[in-house]
Protein backbone atom coordinates (compact mmCIF):
# COMPACT_ATOMS: atom_id res chain seq x y z
CA MET A 1 45.16 -70.35 246.25
CA GLU A 2 48.17 -69.63 248.49
CA ASP A 3 49.60 -66.18 249.16
CA GLU A 4 52.65 -64.74 250.91
CA VAL A 5 50.79 -64.55 254.22
CA ASP A 6 50.10 -68.30 254.11
CA ARG A 7 53.84 -68.88 253.76
CA LEU A 8 54.65 -66.43 256.56
CA VAL A 9 52.11 -68.03 258.93
CA ALA A 10 53.35 -71.54 258.12
CA ALA A 11 56.93 -70.49 258.90
CA TRP A 12 55.94 -68.95 262.24
CA ARG A 13 53.89 -72.02 263.17
CA ARG A 14 56.92 -74.17 262.42
CA GLU A 15 59.37 -71.92 264.28
CA ARG A 16 57.10 -70.85 267.17
CA PRO A 17 54.46 -73.54 267.72
CA ASP A 18 53.97 -72.13 271.22
CA LEU A 19 52.38 -68.93 269.79
CA ASP A 20 48.90 -68.46 268.33
CA VAL A 21 49.72 -66.70 265.06
CA GLU A 22 46.12 -66.65 263.79
CA PRO A 23 45.89 -62.80 263.95
CA LEU A 24 48.58 -62.68 261.25
CA GLU A 25 46.23 -64.47 258.85
CA VAL A 26 43.92 -61.46 258.87
CA LEU A 27 45.97 -58.45 259.83
CA SER A 28 49.03 -59.21 257.71
CA ARG A 29 46.69 -59.37 254.72
CA VAL A 30 45.09 -56.08 255.73
CA SER A 31 48.56 -54.53 256.01
CA ARG A 32 49.67 -55.87 252.62
CA LEU A 33 46.40 -54.72 251.03
CA ALA A 34 46.90 -51.25 252.56
CA ARG A 35 50.27 -50.99 250.79
CA HIS A 36 48.68 -51.96 247.47
CA LEU A 37 45.88 -49.46 248.05
CA ASP A 38 48.38 -46.73 248.85
CA ARG A 39 50.15 -47.37 245.52
CA ALA A 40 46.82 -47.34 243.64
CA ARG A 41 45.81 -44.08 245.35
CA ARG A 42 49.12 -42.41 244.54
CA LEU A 43 48.81 -43.47 240.89
CA ALA A 44 45.22 -42.22 240.59
CA PHE A 45 46.13 -38.87 242.17
CA ALA A 46 49.36 -38.44 240.20
CA GLU A 47 47.37 -38.75 236.97
CA HIS A 48 45.67 -35.52 238.07
CA SER A 49 48.83 -33.87 239.44
CA LEU A 50 47.74 -34.29 243.05
CA GLU A 51 49.48 -35.62 246.13
CA PRO A 52 47.44 -37.79 248.52
CA TRP A 53 47.28 -35.00 251.11
CA GLU A 54 46.02 -32.57 248.46
CA PHE A 55 43.28 -35.01 247.50
CA ASP A 56 42.30 -35.40 251.17
CA VAL A 57 41.87 -31.64 251.69
CA LEU A 58 40.15 -31.01 248.36
CA THR A 59 37.69 -33.87 248.81
CA ALA A 60 36.90 -32.82 252.39
CA LEU A 61 35.82 -29.48 250.94
CA ARG A 62 33.98 -31.15 248.05
CA ARG A 63 32.02 -33.41 250.44
CA ALA A 64 30.95 -30.37 252.45
CA GLY A 65 28.53 -29.47 249.66
CA SER A 66 27.94 -26.11 248.06
CA PRO A 67 29.57 -23.63 248.58
CA TYR A 68 32.36 -26.18 249.27
CA GLN A 69 33.93 -24.42 252.20
CA LEU A 70 35.05 -25.31 255.72
CA SER A 71 36.96 -23.65 258.51
CA PRO A 72 40.56 -24.73 259.02
CA GLY A 73 39.41 -26.40 262.27
CA GLN A 74 36.83 -28.47 260.41
CA LEU A 75 39.52 -29.50 257.91
CA LEU A 76 41.77 -30.53 260.83
CA THR A 77 39.05 -32.80 262.17
CA GLN A 78 38.46 -34.44 258.81
CA THR A 79 42.10 -34.92 257.82
CA LEU A 80 43.67 -35.68 261.22
CA VAL A 81 46.66 -33.33 260.96
CA THR A 82 48.02 -30.58 263.22
CA SER A 83 47.04 -26.94 262.80
CA GLY A 84 50.53 -26.03 261.60
CA THR A 85 50.41 -28.77 258.98
CA MET A 86 46.95 -27.66 257.85
CA THR A 87 48.06 -24.02 257.55
CA ASN A 88 50.94 -25.12 255.34
CA ARG A 89 48.64 -27.30 253.23
CA ILE A 90 46.09 -24.53 252.75
CA ASP A 91 48.90 -22.14 251.74
CA ARG A 92 50.22 -24.58 249.15
CA LEU A 93 46.77 -25.36 247.73
CA ALA A 94 45.97 -21.63 247.53
CA GLN A 95 49.24 -21.00 245.64
CA LYS A 96 48.12 -23.62 243.10
CA GLY A 97 44.71 -21.96 242.74
CA LEU A 98 42.83 -25.00 244.11
CA VAL A 99 41.43 -23.28 247.22
CA GLU A 100 40.91 -19.72 248.40
CA ARG A 101 40.75 -18.15 251.86
CA LEU A 102 37.72 -16.01 252.67
CA PRO A 103 36.80 -14.04 255.79
CA ASP A 104 34.43 -15.97 258.06
CA PRO A 105 31.26 -13.82 258.32
CA SER A 106 30.42 -15.40 261.69
CA ASP A 107 33.91 -14.82 263.20
CA ARG A 108 35.76 -11.58 262.41
CA ARG A 109 39.12 -13.21 263.21
CA GLY A 110 38.40 -16.46 261.37
CA VAL A 111 38.71 -17.61 257.81
CA LEU A 112 36.97 -20.13 255.64
CA VAL A 113 38.68 -22.25 253.03
CA ARG A 114 36.72 -22.60 249.81
CA LEU A 115 37.29 -24.93 246.88
CA THR A 116 37.89 -23.11 243.60
CA GLU A 117 36.36 -24.32 240.36
CA GLU A 118 39.76 -25.76 239.37
CA GLY A 119 40.02 -27.48 242.76
CA GLN A 120 36.57 -28.98 242.34
CA ASP A 121 37.39 -30.24 238.84
CA ARG A 122 40.66 -31.83 239.99
CA ALA A 123 39.01 -33.44 243.05
CA ASP A 124 36.19 -34.84 240.91
CA GLN A 125 38.55 -36.23 238.26
CA ALA A 126 40.91 -37.75 240.84
CA LEU A 127 37.98 -39.36 242.67
CA ALA A 128 36.78 -40.95 239.43
CA GLY A 129 40.30 -42.28 238.81
CA LEU A 130 40.58 -43.60 242.35
CA LEU A 131 37.24 -45.40 242.09
CA ALA A 132 38.35 -47.07 238.86
CA GLN A 133 41.54 -48.29 240.59
CA GLU A 134 39.58 -49.55 243.59
CA ARG A 135 36.97 -51.30 241.42
CA ALA A 136 39.80 -53.19 239.72
CA ILE A 137 41.20 -54.26 243.10
CA LEU A 138 37.78 -55.55 244.21
CA ALA A 139 36.90 -57.18 240.88
CA GLU A 140 37.50 -60.72 242.20
CA LEU A 141 34.75 -60.31 244.82
CA SER A 142 31.02 -60.55 244.20
CA ARG A 143 28.72 -57.74 245.35
CA ALA A 144 27.69 -59.89 248.35
CA GLN A 145 31.33 -60.59 249.25
CA ARG A 146 32.18 -56.88 249.03
CA GLY A 147 29.26 -56.09 251.34
CA GLU A 148 30.29 -58.77 253.81
CA LEU A 149 33.92 -57.61 253.78
CA ALA A 150 32.86 -53.97 254.28
CA GLY A 151 30.79 -54.98 257.31
CA LEU A 152 33.59 -57.02 258.84
CA LEU A 153 36.14 -54.25 258.33
CA ARG A 154 33.68 -51.72 259.79
CA GLN A 155 33.56 -53.83 262.98
CA LEU A 156 37.34 -53.58 263.23
CA THR A 157 37.69 -49.88 262.37
CA ALA A 158 34.67 -48.36 264.15
CA PRO A 159 36.24 -48.47 267.64
CA PHE A 160 39.24 -46.50 266.34
CA ASP A 161 37.04 -43.95 264.57
CA ASN A 162 35.00 -43.34 267.73
CA ILE A 163 37.82 -42.71 270.20
CA PRO A 164 37.26 -39.32 271.91
CA GLY A 165 39.93 -36.68 271.30
């Protein structure tokens, strides 16, 4: 089975035989797959009236476990955005009734962001939709192949996930 990356690599090998284009065989496929995944994610979230960033914040709170609350700083760490961006996101989610701000009992100046029941329901439904989309994408692979691919991708992503700062 040939794909677009095979054609791209063949063209570069023909035009630039002096270059080792082997990395394209893997990383161009990862890049193309990322675009397909982004579309699938957007579709799954849109079915539940959520934007990807909304899903990211809501599911960070959902994964925290009961009572489904985190400080804005903890949300920053999990979603990799600036504090100004997070403040704006929390404001918008609170306006929609998906999260609420509460005083932090351990810090008189701090706040906690808590998932509302509606926020939890939307996060749970969107996650189920996302998993259905992702299962369909992976359907061509056996369980063993999915495990092997997960391990190989982990080797590539772990160094990026463990960079200090």
